[in-house]
Amino acid sequence: MSAPRLEVDLTKVAHNTSTLVSRLRGRGIGVTGVTKAALGSPELGRALVGAGVGMLGDSRVENLERLRAADLPARLALIRSPMAHQLDRIVRCADVSFNSELEIVAGLSAVAGARGTTHAVVLMVELGDLREGILPPDLADAVRATLRLPNLVLEGLGTNLACRSGVVPDATKMADLSRLASSIEADFGVDLGLVSGGNSANLGWALGEEPVGRVNDLRLGESLLLGLDPLHRRPVGGLHTDAIVLVAEVIESKIKPSLPWGRLAQAAFGAPGEATDTGLVAQAILAVGEQDVDPLGLQPPPGVRILGASSDHLVVTAPERLPIGAELRFTPNYSALLRAMTSPFVEKHLLTSTPAPLSGLPG
């Protein structure tokens, strides 16, 4: 098998998914499975749907088109605010889109009308993280404008926290969203079928003791794939944290000094970290680098320590010299996973009982 490569164990991903679907169902919350970290892989989508997910969400139209072509038995949602030049593609491939700009919502209405269909929209509300969302005082006007547009269904409200500013999606924030949903229903006589509370960062709240109120959906990606709670990067009990690994090959293995020598300036990616003089060390170089992955997001195997990286090289040290051609297995965090998935130089392999490449992905 070639390296570098990502190995995705769909059996473990399916276990993580079914476990969270079951736990959240007991709290009245459904799961939208987010596929963007795997570039809309139909195989991943099929595994999520088989594990109990009813809707698949992605931030890229290209990924949704890949999922639509696979004819999976699930609704598809664009979870990033639409781009104006992609409205026709969005209406064709997505059942629902998450929106914060009325100009775009009006455009979706026009495109849906021209195509003789209807499109569902979720209005995103800003609750403090300062990413996307309509400010709460402006929400009623946005709802009123949306309801006046033909060829649209106002499916519900959503919010997103913890992504840009790290604002915690706690009981107070979720109660705010619930109150807004109830107020909109009372004021406009509508039924909001979807109240989407956020992402994997919501799990601490969602699996706790606080009432969930009107929130009946979470958009989960990192927790399904990596088994982690993004707020603190801690494992979620009962989930696999090794469902995805990055495998890289040793291309140089030598005994070298632990300190560089000569005049020092900027390295390829800024100022290098300070080195400690530990004498001679067993240093190895692996054929993967900043172009392929976020080195800071890699957890090395026991006994191996990452020393640094350039665009094409990952430099590590180990207790003894590693053989040339040896493969090391790293656990990626979400940042490392996203970059590795989008690199055409990192192969992607689906693992169940036997390895097979993920179809439709670069590399």
Protein backbone atom coordinates (compact mmCIF):
# COMPACT_ATOMS: atom_id res chain seq x y z
CA MET A 1 0.00 0.00 0.00
CA SER A 2 1.22 3.51 -0.79
CA ALA A 3 2.12 6.18 1.75
CA PRO A 4 1.32 8.69 2.98
CA ARG A 5 -2.26 7.51 3.36
CA LEU A 6 -5.30 7.97 5.53
CA GLU A 7 -6.95 4.80 6.73
CA VAL A 8 -10.63 5.24 7.59
CA ASP A 9 -12.18 2.41 9.57
CA LEU A 10 -15.86 2.70 8.70
CA THR A 11 -16.77 0.00 11.22
CA LYS A 12 -15.47 2.24 14.01
CA VAL A 13 -17.08 5.34 12.50
CA ALA A 14 -20.40 3.51 12.32
CA HIS A 15 -20.03 2.46 15.96
CA ASN A 16 -19.39 6.07 17.01
CA THR A 17 -22.38 7.21 14.99
CA SER A 18 -24.86 4.61 16.22
CA THR A 19 -23.72 5.21 19.81
CA LEU A 20 -24.34 8.95 19.63
CA VAL A 21 -27.55 8.58 17.62
CA SER A 22 -28.91 6.29 20.34
CA ARG A 23 -27.81 8.50 23.23
CA LEU A 24 -29.15 11.68 21.65
CA ARG A 25 -32.40 10.04 20.56
CA GLY A 26 -33.09 9.48 24.24
CA ARG A 27 -32.86 13.24 24.67
CA GLY A 28 -35.11 13.99 21.70
CA ILE A 29 -32.25 15.13 19.47
CA GLY A 30 -31.53 13.86 15.98
CA VAL A 31 -28.16 13.81 14.22
CA THR A 32 -27.14 15.45 10.97
CA GLY A 33 -23.98 13.62 9.92
CA VAL A 34 -21.37 16.04 8.55
CA THR A 35 -19.27 14.62 5.72
CA LYS A 36 -17.01 17.57 4.84
CA ALA A 37 -13.90 16.07 6.51
CA ALA A 38 -14.15 13.18 4.03
CA LEU A 39 -15.00 15.37 1.02
CA GLY A 40 -18.53 14.06 0.77
CA SER A 41 -17.46 10.42 0.47
CA PRO A 42 -20.50 8.34 -0.52
CA GLU A 43 -19.06 5.39 1.44
CA LEU A 44 -18.87 7.47 4.58
CA GLY A 45 -22.36 8.84 3.93
CA ARG A 46 -23.69 5.31 3.52
CA ALA A 47 -22.06 4.26 6.81
CA LEU A 48 -23.58 7.23 8.66
CA VAL A 49 -27.05 6.61 7.25
CA GLY A 50 -26.77 2.91 8.08
CA ALA A 51 -25.91 3.88 11.66
CA GLY A 52 -29.09 5.92 12.06
CA VAL A 53 -28.40 9.38 10.62
CA GLY A 54 -31.37 10.85 8.77
CA MET A 55 -29.70 13.87 7.16
CA LEU A 56 -26.21 14.42 5.78
CA GLY A 57 -24.69 17.88 5.91
CA ASP A 58 -21.74 19.37 4.10
CA SER A 59 -20.27 22.84 3.62
CA ARG A 60 -19.27 22.37 -0.02
CA VAL A 61 -21.61 22.07 -2.99
CA GLU A 62 -19.17 19.77 -4.75
CA ASN A 63 -19.39 17.28 -1.88
CA LEU A 64 -23.19 17.42 -1.83
CA GLU A 65 -23.25 16.74 -5.57
CA ARG A 66 -21.13 13.65 -4.97
CA LEU A 67 -23.54 12.49 -2.28
CA ARG A 68 -26.59 13.25 -4.46
CA ALA A 69 -25.14 11.21 -7.33
CA ALA A 70 -24.81 8.24 -4.95
CA ASP A 71 -28.59 8.32 -4.34
CA LEU A 72 -28.31 7.76 -0.59
CA PRO A 73 -31.56 7.40 1.41
CA ALA A 74 -31.09 10.65 3.34
CA ARG A 75 -31.86 14.33 3.03
CA LEU A 76 -28.91 16.53 2.11
CA ALA A 77 -28.16 19.90 3.71
CA LEU A 78 -25.75 22.69 2.81
CA ILE A 79 -24.56 23.80 6.24
CA ARG A 80 -22.46 26.78 5.11
CA SER A 81 -24.11 30.00 3.93
CA PRO A 82 -24.62 29.67 0.16
CA MET A 83 -22.54 31.55 -2.39
CA ALA A 84 -24.59 33.60 -4.84
CA HIS A 85 -23.05 32.06 -7.96
CA GLN A 86 -23.93 28.53 -6.81
CA LEU A 87 -27.65 28.93 -6.13
CA ASP A 88 -28.79 26.78 -9.05
CA ARG A 89 -26.45 23.96 -8.03
CA ILE A 90 -27.59 24.25 -4.42
CA VAL A 91 -31.27 23.90 -5.27
CA ARG A 92 -30.45 20.87 -7.43
CA CYS A 93 -28.33 18.98 -4.92
CA ALA A 94 -29.51 20.11 -1.46
CA ASP A 95 -32.91 19.57 0.12
CA VAL A 96 -32.21 22.27 2.69
CA SER A 97 -29.68 25.06 3.15
CA PHE A 98 -28.61 27.05 6.20
CA ASN A 99 -28.84 30.80 5.55
CA SER A 100 -28.13 34.17 7.14
CA GLU A 101 -28.56 36.62 4.20
CA LEU A 102 -32.00 37.55 2.88
CA GLU A 103 -30.56 38.40 -0.54
CA ILE A 104 -29.44 34.79 -0.87
CA VAL A 105 -32.75 33.45 0.44
CA ALA A 106 -34.55 35.49 -2.23
CA GLY A 107 -32.21 34.08 -4.84
CA LEU A 108 -32.96 30.53 -3.72
CA SER A 109 -36.68 31.31 -4.05
CA ALA A 110 -36.22 32.53 -7.63
CA VAL A 111 -34.11 29.54 -8.64
CA ALA A 112 -36.52 27.07 -7.05
CA GLY A 113 -39.39 28.73 -8.89
CA ALA A 114 -37.56 28.55 -12.20
CA ARG A 115 -36.94 24.86 -11.62
CA GLY A 116 -40.53 24.19 -10.59
CA THR A 117 -39.61 22.93 -7.15
CA THR A 118 -39.39 24.05 -3.52
CA HIS A 119 -36.34 24.48 -1.32
CA ALA A 120 -36.18 24.36 2.49
CA VAL A 121 -34.21 26.96 4.42
CA VAL A 122 -32.94 27.14 7.98
CA LEU A 123 -32.25 30.65 9.26
CA MET A 124 -29.06 30.85 11.28
CA VAL A 125 -29.07 33.00 14.44
CA GLU A 126 -26.01 34.74 15.89
CA LEU A 127 -25.68 33.86 19.58
CA GLY A 128 -22.25 35.27 20.31
CA ASP A 129 -19.52 33.28 18.53
CA LEU A 130 -19.44 35.96 15.80
CA ARG A 131 -19.37 33.66 12.83
CA GLU A 132 -22.54 33.43 10.73
CA GLY A 133 -26.01 34.32 11.88
CA ILE A 134 -28.82 36.88 12.02
CA LEU A 135 -28.77 39.01 15.16
CA PRO A 136 -31.74 38.13 17.42
CA PRO A 137 -33.38 41.60 17.18
CA ASP A 138 -33.44 41.22 13.38
CA LEU A 139 -34.78 37.67 13.33
CA ALA A 140 -38.50 38.46 13.18
CA ASP A 141 -38.04 40.69 10.13
CA ALA A 142 -35.95 37.97 8.45
CA VAL A 143 -38.63 35.38 9.13
CA ARG A 144 -41.35 37.68 7.82
CA ALA A 145 -39.40 38.30 4.61
CA THR A 146 -38.69 34.59 4.14
CA LEU A 147 -42.33 33.58 4.62
CA ARG A 148 -43.38 36.02 1.89
CA LEU A 149 -41.16 34.34 -0.69
CA PRO A 150 -42.65 31.63 -2.92
CA ASN A 151 -41.11 28.22 -3.52
CA LEU A 152 -39.50 28.12 -0.08
CA VAL A 153 -40.22 26.26 3.14
CA LEU A 154 -38.99 27.75 6.39
CA GLU A 155 -37.74 24.55 7.97
CA GLY A 156 -36.37 26.00 11.16
CA LEU A 157 -33.68 27.90 13.03
CA GLY A 158 -30.07 27.05 13.75
CA THR A 159 -27.00 28.43 15.43
CA ASN A 160 -23.30 27.73 15.57
CA LEU A 161 -20.98 28.18 18.52
CA ALA A 162 -17.41 27.30 19.52
CA CYS A 163 -15.98 27.46 15.99
CA ARG A 164 -14.61 30.98 15.61
CA SER A 165 -14.47 32.48 19.10
CA GLY A 166 -14.80 29.41 21.30
CA VAL A 167 -18.12 30.48 22.85
CA VAL A 168 -19.47 27.47 24.75
CA PRO A 169 -22.85 26.10 23.63
CA ASP A 170 -24.14 25.75 27.17
CA ALA A 171 -27.62 25.57 28.68
CA THR A 172 -28.00 29.37 28.58
CA LYS A 173 -27.25 29.61 24.86
CA MET A 174 -29.49 26.67 24.01
CA ALA A 175 -32.31 28.14 26.10
CA ASP A 176 -31.89 31.37 24.12
CA LEU A 177 -32.30 29.43 20.87
CA SER A 178 -35.34 27.60 22.22
CA ARG A 179 -37.00 30.87 23.25
CA LEU A 180 -36.40 32.34 19.82
CA ALA A 181 -37.93 29.29 18.14
CA SER A 182 -41.01 29.37 20.36
CA SER A 183 -41.40 33.11 19.85
CA ILE A 184 -41.22 32.81 16.06
CA GLU A 185 -43.81 30.04 16.07
CA ALA A 186 -46.17 32.04 18.28
CA ASP A 187 -45.76 35.30 16.36
CA PHE A 188 -46.07 33.85 12.85
CA GLY A 189 -48.22 30.76 13.36
CA VAL A 190 -45.60 28.47 11.82
CA ASP A 191 -44.18 25.11 12.83
CA LEU A 192 -40.41 24.98 12.95
CA GLY A 193 -39.60 21.35 12.38
CA LEU A 194 -35.85 21.77 12.86
CA VAL A 195 -34.05 23.61 15.64
CA SER A 196 -30.37 22.87 15.07
CA GLY A 197 -28.33 23.67 18.15
CA GLY A 198 -24.84 23.36 16.73
CA ASN A 199 -22.03 20.86 16.32
CA SER A 200 -19.98 18.28 18.21
CA ALA A 201 -19.06 20.97 20.75
CA ASN A 202 -22.68 20.72 21.98
CA LEU A 203 -22.30 17.14 23.22
CA GLY A 204 -21.37 18.08 26.79
CA TRP A 205 -24.64 19.98 27.06
CA ALA A 206 -26.74 17.58 24.99
CA LEU A 207 -25.71 14.49 26.98
CA GLY A 208 -26.01 16.23 30.34
CA GLU A 209 -28.91 16.78 32.70
CA GLU A 210 -30.20 20.16 31.52
CA PRO A 211 -33.49 20.24 29.57
CA VAL A 212 -32.90 20.41 25.83
CA GLY A 213 -35.87 22.67 25.17
CA ARG A 214 -36.71 23.05 21.48
CA VAL A 215 -33.33 21.85 20.18
CA ASN A 216 -33.91 18.68 18.17
CA ASP A 217 -30.84 18.45 15.93
CA LEU A 218 -27.06 18.57 16.12
CA ARG A 219 -24.65 18.66 13.17
CA LEU A 220 -21.94 16.16 14.12
CA GLY A 221 -18.67 15.53 12.31
CA GLU A 222 -15.60 15.46 14.55
CA SER A 223 -17.22 13.34 17.24
CA LEU A 224 -18.36 10.72 14.71
CA LEU A 225 -14.99 10.49 12.96
CA LEU A 226 -12.52 11.06 15.80
CA GLY A 227 -14.55 10.30 18.92
CA LEU A 228 -13.68 13.64 20.52
CA ASP A 229 -15.47 16.51 22.23
CA PRO A 230 -14.08 19.60 20.41
CA LEU A 231 -14.47 21.93 23.40
CA HIS A 232 -11.64 20.26 25.29
CA ARG A 233 -10.40 17.69 22.72
CA ARG A 234 -11.24 14.93 25.16
CA PRO A 235 -12.50 11.47 24.16
CA VAL A 236 -16.24 10.91 24.39
CA GLY A 237 -16.94 7.83 26.50
CA GLY A 238 -17.71 4.71 24.48
CA LEU A 239 -16.39 6.10 21.18
CA HIS A 240 -13.38 5.06 19.12
CA THR A 241 -10.66 7.72 18.86
CA ASP A 242 -8.60 5.74 16.34
CA ALA A 243 -11.12 5.33 13.53
CA ILE A 244 -8.84 7.38 11.27
CA VAL A 245 -5.03 7.21 11.17
CA LEU A 246 -2.38 8.82 8.99
CA VAL A 247 0.36 6.45 7.84
CA ALA A 248 3.73 7.89 6.74
CA GLU A 249 6.93 6.24 5.51
CA VAL A 250 10.49 6.71 6.78
CA ILE A 251 12.80 8.04 4.02
CA GLU A 252 15.86 8.93 6.12
CA SER A 253 17.10 7.52 9.41
CA LYS A 254 20.35 8.75 10.99
CA ILE A 255 22.03 9.63 14.25
CA LYS A 256 22.31 13.42 14.32
CA PRO A 257 23.02 16.22 16.81
CA SER A 258 19.96 17.54 18.64
CA LEU A 259 20.99 21.17 18.01
CA PRO A 260 21.44 22.93 14.65
CA TRP A 261 24.70 24.75 14.01
CA GLY A 262 25.42 27.99 12.13
CA ARG A 263 23.65 31.36 12.08
CA LEU A 264 19.88 31.03 12.52
CA ALA A 265 17.05 32.98 10.86
CA GLN A 266 13.50 32.17 9.75
CA ALA A 267 12.75 28.61 8.71
CA ALA A 268 10.40 27.69 5.85
CA PHE A 269 7.29 28.15 8.00
CA GLY A 270 8.41 30.88 10.36
CA ALA A 271 10.55 30.84 13.45
CA PRO A 272 11.44 27.28 14.50
CA GLY A 273 10.81 26.18 18.05
CA GLU A 274 13.71 26.19 20.47
CA ALA A 275 15.67 22.96 20.51
CA THR A 276 17.13 21.36 23.62
CA ASP A 277 20.61 19.93 23.64
CA THR A 278 20.20 16.24 24.38
CA GLY A 279 23.31 15.12 22.54
CA LEU A 280 23.05 12.76 19.60
CA VAL A 281 19.55 11.50 18.76
CA ALA A 282 18.02 8.93 16.44
CA GLN A 283 16.35 11.21 13.91
CA ALA A 284 14.07 10.06 11.12
CA ILE A 285 12.38 11.89 8.25
CA LEU A 286 8.97 10.82 6.98
CA ALA A 287 7.60 11.61 3.54
CA VAL A 288 4.77 13.91 4.58
CA GLY A 289 4.78 17.60 5.42
CA GLU A 290 2.96 20.89 5.79
CA GLN A 291 1.60 20.60 2.24
CA ASP A 292 -0.21 17.42 3.24
CA VAL A 293 -1.18 17.75 6.89
CA ASP A 294 -1.12 19.99 9.95
CA PRO A 295 1.91 18.57 11.82
CA LEU A 296 0.75 20.19 15.07
CA GLY A 297 -2.40 18.08 14.84
CA LEU A 298 -0.65 14.71 14.76
CA GLN A 299 -0.35 12.41 17.76
CA PRO A 300 2.68 10.16 17.15
CA PRO A 301 2.95 6.53 18.22
CA PRO A 302 4.39 5.77 21.68
CA GLY A 303 8.10 6.56 21.99
CA VAL A 304 8.16 8.82 18.92
CA ARG A 305 8.39 12.61 19.21
CA ILE A 306 7.77 15.13 16.42
CA LEU A 307 10.67 17.60 16.14
CA GLY A 308 9.41 19.74 13.29
CA ALA A 309 8.25 19.84 9.70
CA SER A 310 8.83 21.52 6.36
CA SER A 311 6.61 21.43 3.30
CA ASP A 312 7.52 17.82 2.39
CA HIS A 313 9.24 16.39 5.48
CA LEU A 314 8.15 15.42 8.98
CA VAL A 315 11.13 15.10 11.33
CA VAL A 316 10.81 12.82 14.35
CA THR A 317 13.00 11.21 16.95
CA ALA A 318 12.68 7.73 18.42
CA PRO A 319 14.51 5.68 21.06
CA GLU A 320 16.49 3.96 18.29
CA ARG A 321 17.02 4.31 14.55
CA LEU A 322 13.93 3.49 12.53
CA PRO A 323 14.31 1.27 9.46
CA ILE A 324 14.14 2.89 6.04
CA GLY A 325 10.72 2.11 4.56
CA ALA A 326 9.11 1.63 7.98
CA GLU A 327 5.61 3.05 8.39
CA LEU A 328 4.52 5.08 11.38
CA ARG A 329 0.87 5.56 12.30
CA PHE A 330 -0.31 8.93 13.62
CA THR A 331 -3.69 9.89 15.04
CA PRO A 332 -4.85 13.18 13.45
CA ASN A 333 -6.92 15.87 15.08
CA TYR A 334 -9.63 17.62 13.06
CA SER A 335 -7.25 20.19 11.58
CA ALA A 336 -4.78 17.52 10.46
CA LEU A 337 -7.58 15.36 9.08
CA LEU A 338 -9.06 18.19 6.99
CA ARG A 339 -5.72 19.09 5.44
CA ALA A 340 -4.74 15.47 4.75
CA MET A 341 -8.10 14.74 3.15
CA THR A 342 -7.70 17.63 0.72
CA SER A 343 -4.11 16.75 -0.24
CA PRO A 344 -3.88 14.90 -3.59
CA PHE A 345 -0.64 13.36 -2.33
CA VAL A 346 -2.27 11.52 0.57
CA GLU A 347 -4.13 8.38 -0.48
CA LYS A 348 -7.44 7.63 1.21
CA HIS A 349 -8.31 4.06 2.08
CA LEU A 350 -11.58 2.72 3.37
CA LEU A 351 -11.13 -0.13 5.83
CA THR A 352 -13.78 -2.61 6.79
CA SER A 353 -12.74 -6.22 6.41
CA THR A 354 -10.31 -5.45 3.56
CA PRO A 355 -8.72 -2.15 2.47
CA ALA A 356 -10.22 -0.29 -0.47
CA PRO A 357 -9.69 3.26 -1.76
CA LEU A 358 -12.37 5.82 -0.99
CA SER A 359 -13.97 6.50 -4.35
CA GLY A 360 -14.43 10.03 -5.60
CA LEU A 361 -11.59 11.48 -3.47
CA PRO A 362 -8.33 13.01 -4.71
CA GLY A 363 -5.27 10.87 -4.28
